[in-house]
Protein backbone atom coordinates (compact mmCIF):
# COMPACT_ATOMS: atom_id res chain seq x y z
CA MET A 1 82.54 7.63 -115.97
CA PRO A 2 80.48 8.19 -119.40
CA ARG A 3 76.62 9.48 -119.15
CA ARG A 4 74.35 6.50 -120.37
CA ARG A 5 72.25 7.66 -123.08
CA PRO A 6 68.28 7.47 -123.02
CA GLY A 7 68.13 4.91 -125.76
CA ALA A 8 70.15 2.59 -123.93
CA LEU A 9 68.51 3.31 -121.03
CA ARG A 10 64.99 2.36 -122.24
CA ALA A 11 66.41 -0.56 -124.24
CA GLU A 12 67.44 -2.17 -121.12
CA ARG A 13 64.41 -1.62 -119.44
CA GLY A 14 61.89 -2.54 -122.43
CA THR A 15 58.99 -1.29 -123.51
CA TYR A 16 55.12 -1.62 -121.38
CA GLU A 17 54.74 -4.98 -123.56
CA ASP A 18 57.38 -6.54 -121.85
CA ARG A 19 56.76 -5.68 -118.42
CA ARG A 20 53.73 -6.94 -116.35
CA PRO A 21 52.52 -5.25 -113.79
CA PRO A 22 53.83 -6.43 -110.00
CA ALA A 23 51.53 -8.86 -107.94
CA TRP A 24 50.25 -6.03 -105.68
CA ALA A 25 48.79 -4.38 -108.58
CA TRP A 26 46.70 -7.55 -109.29
CA GLY A 27 45.10 -7.34 -106.09
CA GLN A 28 43.64 -4.02 -106.15
CA PRO A 29 40.14 -3.19 -107.01
CA LEU A 30 38.81 -2.71 -110.47
CA VAL A 31 38.62 0.55 -112.14
CA ASP A 32 35.18 1.80 -113.46
CA ARG A 33 34.75 -0.62 -116.61
CA LEU A 34 38.21 -1.67 -117.10
CA SER A 35 39.65 -5.25 -117.19
CA PRO A 36 41.43 -6.38 -114.51
CA ALA A 37 44.73 -6.45 -116.81
CA ALA A 38 44.12 -2.94 -117.68
CA ALA A 39 43.12 -1.98 -113.88
CA ALA A 40 46.31 -3.55 -112.79
CA GLU A 41 48.24 -1.23 -115.33
CA VAL A 42 46.46 1.93 -114.23
CA TYR A 43 47.70 1.36 -110.51
CA TRP A 44 51.17 0.28 -111.63
CA ALA A 45 51.88 3.29 -114.02
CA LEU A 46 49.55 5.86 -111.94
CA ALA A 47 51.02 4.93 -108.42
CA GLY A 48 48.94 6.82 -105.57
CA ARG A 49 46.25 8.22 -108.48
CA ALA A 50 44.77 5.27 -109.70
CA ASP A 51 41.55 5.96 -107.47
CA GLU A 52 41.53 9.29 -109.22
CA VAL A 53 40.60 7.60 -112.35
CA ALA A 54 37.76 5.87 -110.75
CA GLU A 55 36.29 9.08 -109.03
CA LEU A 56 36.65 11.29 -111.98
CA LEU A 57 34.90 8.46 -114.30
CA THR A 58 32.04 8.64 -111.53
CA ARG A 59 31.83 12.42 -111.63
CA TYR A 60 31.97 12.41 -115.63
CA ARG A 61 29.01 9.84 -115.35
CA ALA A 62 26.94 11.47 -112.63
CA PHE A 63 27.08 14.75 -115.03
CA LEU A 64 25.74 12.37 -118.22
CA ARG A 65 23.01 11.19 -115.47
CA ARG A 66 21.39 14.33 -114.92
CA PRO A 67 17.81 14.55 -115.98
CA GLY A 68 16.85 16.46 -119.23
CA VAL A 69 17.80 16.39 -122.75
CA ARG A 70 20.10 19.03 -123.06
CA LEU A 71 22.55 19.37 -120.41
CA LEU A 72 24.22 22.89 -119.44
CA LEU A 73 27.83 22.65 -117.92
CA VAL A 74 28.13 24.14 -114.51
CA PRO A 75 31.02 26.39 -113.49
CA SER A 76 33.08 25.73 -110.36
CA PRO A 77 32.31 27.56 -107.56
CA CYS A 78 35.92 28.14 -106.46
CA PRO A 79 38.22 27.02 -109.40
CA GLY A 80 41.44 27.34 -107.42
CA CYS A 81 40.20 24.83 -104.74
CA PRO A 82 41.45 21.30 -105.68
CA GLY A 83 38.30 19.71 -104.45
CA CYS A 84 35.81 22.71 -105.92
CA CYS A 85 37.51 22.67 -109.15
CA ARG A 86 35.92 19.33 -109.89
CA GLU A 87 32.10 20.41 -109.97
CA ASP A 88 32.94 22.12 -113.46
CA VAL A 89 32.96 18.77 -115.86
CA ALA A 90 35.69 20.37 -117.92
CA VAL A 91 38.05 20.03 -115.39
CA VAL A 92 37.15 16.27 -114.74
CA ARG A 93 37.65 15.59 -118.50
CA ASP A 94 40.80 17.35 -118.62
CA GLU A 95 42.21 15.44 -115.48
CA LEU A 96 40.95 12.22 -117.36
CA ALA A 97 42.81 12.97 -120.43
CA GLU A 98 46.12 13.86 -118.28
CA LEU A 99 45.92 10.57 -116.51
CA HIS A 100 44.75 8.86 -120.05
CA ARG A 101 48.20 10.14 -121.40
CA ALA A 102 50.05 8.62 -118.49
CA LEU A 103 49.11 4.89 -118.96
CA PRO A 104 50.41 2.30 -120.81
CA PRO A 105 49.39 1.57 -123.90
CA ALA A 106 46.84 -1.41 -123.28
CA ALA A 107 45.21 0.35 -120.27
CA ARG A 108 45.48 3.55 -122.72
CA THR A 109 43.44 2.02 -125.14
CA GLU A 110 40.70 0.49 -122.83
CA LEU A 111 40.28 3.73 -121.14
CA GLY A 112 40.02 5.52 -124.38
CA ARG A 113 37.17 3.37 -125.17
CA VAL A 114 35.49 4.36 -122.17
CA LEU A 115 36.12 7.81 -122.50
CA GLN A 116 35.20 7.47 -126.19
CA GLY A 117 31.46 6.51 -125.07
CA LEU A 118 30.99 9.14 -122.22
CA ASP A 119 32.59 12.27 -124.87
CA THR A 120 29.97 10.96 -127.50
CA GLU A 121 27.21 11.14 -124.88
CA PHE A 122 28.60 14.30 -123.63
CA LEU A 123 28.99 15.78 -127.06
CA ARG A 124 25.33 14.56 -127.83
CA ARG A 125 23.95 16.22 -124.85
CA THR A 126 25.41 19.57 -124.42
CA VAL A 127 25.40 22.51 -126.86
CA GLU A 128 28.47 24.17 -128.39
CA ASP A 129 28.96 27.60 -127.55
CA PRO A 130 28.83 29.42 -130.87
CA ASP A 131 30.82 32.39 -129.46
CA PRO A 132 32.72 31.19 -126.63
CA PRO A 133 34.78 33.86 -124.36
CA ALA A 134 38.39 33.97 -125.00
CA ASP A 135 39.31 32.35 -121.70
CA ARG A 136 37.49 29.11 -123.30
CA TRP A 137 40.00 29.38 -126.14
CA THR A 138 43.20 29.10 -124.58
CA ASP A 139 44.79 28.39 -120.94
CA TRP A 140 46.39 30.88 -118.88
CA LEU A 141 49.88 30.04 -120.88
CA GLY A 142 48.11 30.45 -124.29
CA ARG A 143 47.63 26.68 -125.13
CA PRO A 144 44.71 25.59 -126.81
CA LEU A 145 41.82 24.33 -124.57
CA SER A 146 40.22 21.21 -125.62
CA TRP A 147 36.72 21.26 -127.54
CA TRP A 148 34.83 20.16 -123.92
CA HIS A 149 35.43 23.69 -122.83
CA ARG A 150 33.57 25.18 -125.87
CA ARG A 151 30.21 24.12 -124.65
CA ILE A 152 27.40 26.10 -123.13
CA TYR A 153 27.57 26.74 -119.73
CA GLU A 154 24.50 27.76 -117.29
CA ASP A 155 26.12 31.53 -116.42
CA ASP A 156 25.76 31.96 -120.51
CA CYS A 157 22.21 30.65 -121.20
CA VAL A 158 20.31 33.38 -121.85
CA GLY A 159 16.37 32.82 -120.64
CA CYS A 160 17.31 29.79 -118.58
CA PRO A 161 15.46 29.57 -114.91
CA SER A 162 19.05 29.81 -113.48
CA ARG A 163 19.72 33.32 -114.89
CA ALA A 164 16.25 34.72 -113.07
CA PRO A 165 16.89 38.00 -110.76
CA PRO A 166 17.73 36.89 -107.37
CA GLY A 167 14.17 37.95 -105.74
CA ALA A 168 12.19 36.32 -108.67
CA ARG A 169 10.47 33.41 -107.83
CA LYS A 170 8.70 30.59 -110.24
CA ARG A 171 4.79 31.15 -110.44
CA SER A 172 2.93 28.12 -108.92
CA ASN A 173 -0.85 27.29 -108.98
CA ARG A 174 -1.39 28.70 -105.68
CA ASP A 175 -0.57 31.99 -107.00
CA ASP A 176 -3.20 32.13 -109.39
CA GLY A 177 -5.93 33.15 -107.08
């Protein structure tokens, strides 16, 4: 029996525009600031991972809600651990980009609009690293990393309170007299 060509299979299946998410996807909770139709497409296209989109957007927003004019990225204490690595907002943004690429066109457009607003705020409130270390240019396979990895981290900030020696403590008014 001859093999069916991939183009013939795609033509038979149709594009995303020709298909609608199944009824079960419409009954799922809404995803952060997406329309009901886009949320249904997210649940349909990312079976089992749709809740991740909402959690990652919540983490990204929480980072941007931190007080202060300028924000410094916080490196993950344990980059290899699936739960701990998400403490680094650059990793969160990487995962959002990966999930964004996997979505159907309409949901991808809506999520892209949400990410564009958050990225604008991120770009405005973080500081570009003029000379980032080599590990922030490429991943371990040599592929270039996205722009959000080349921002200043707390560990890079010279003169920041987080860089104080372990035994040092802040001076308070009580120490004056």
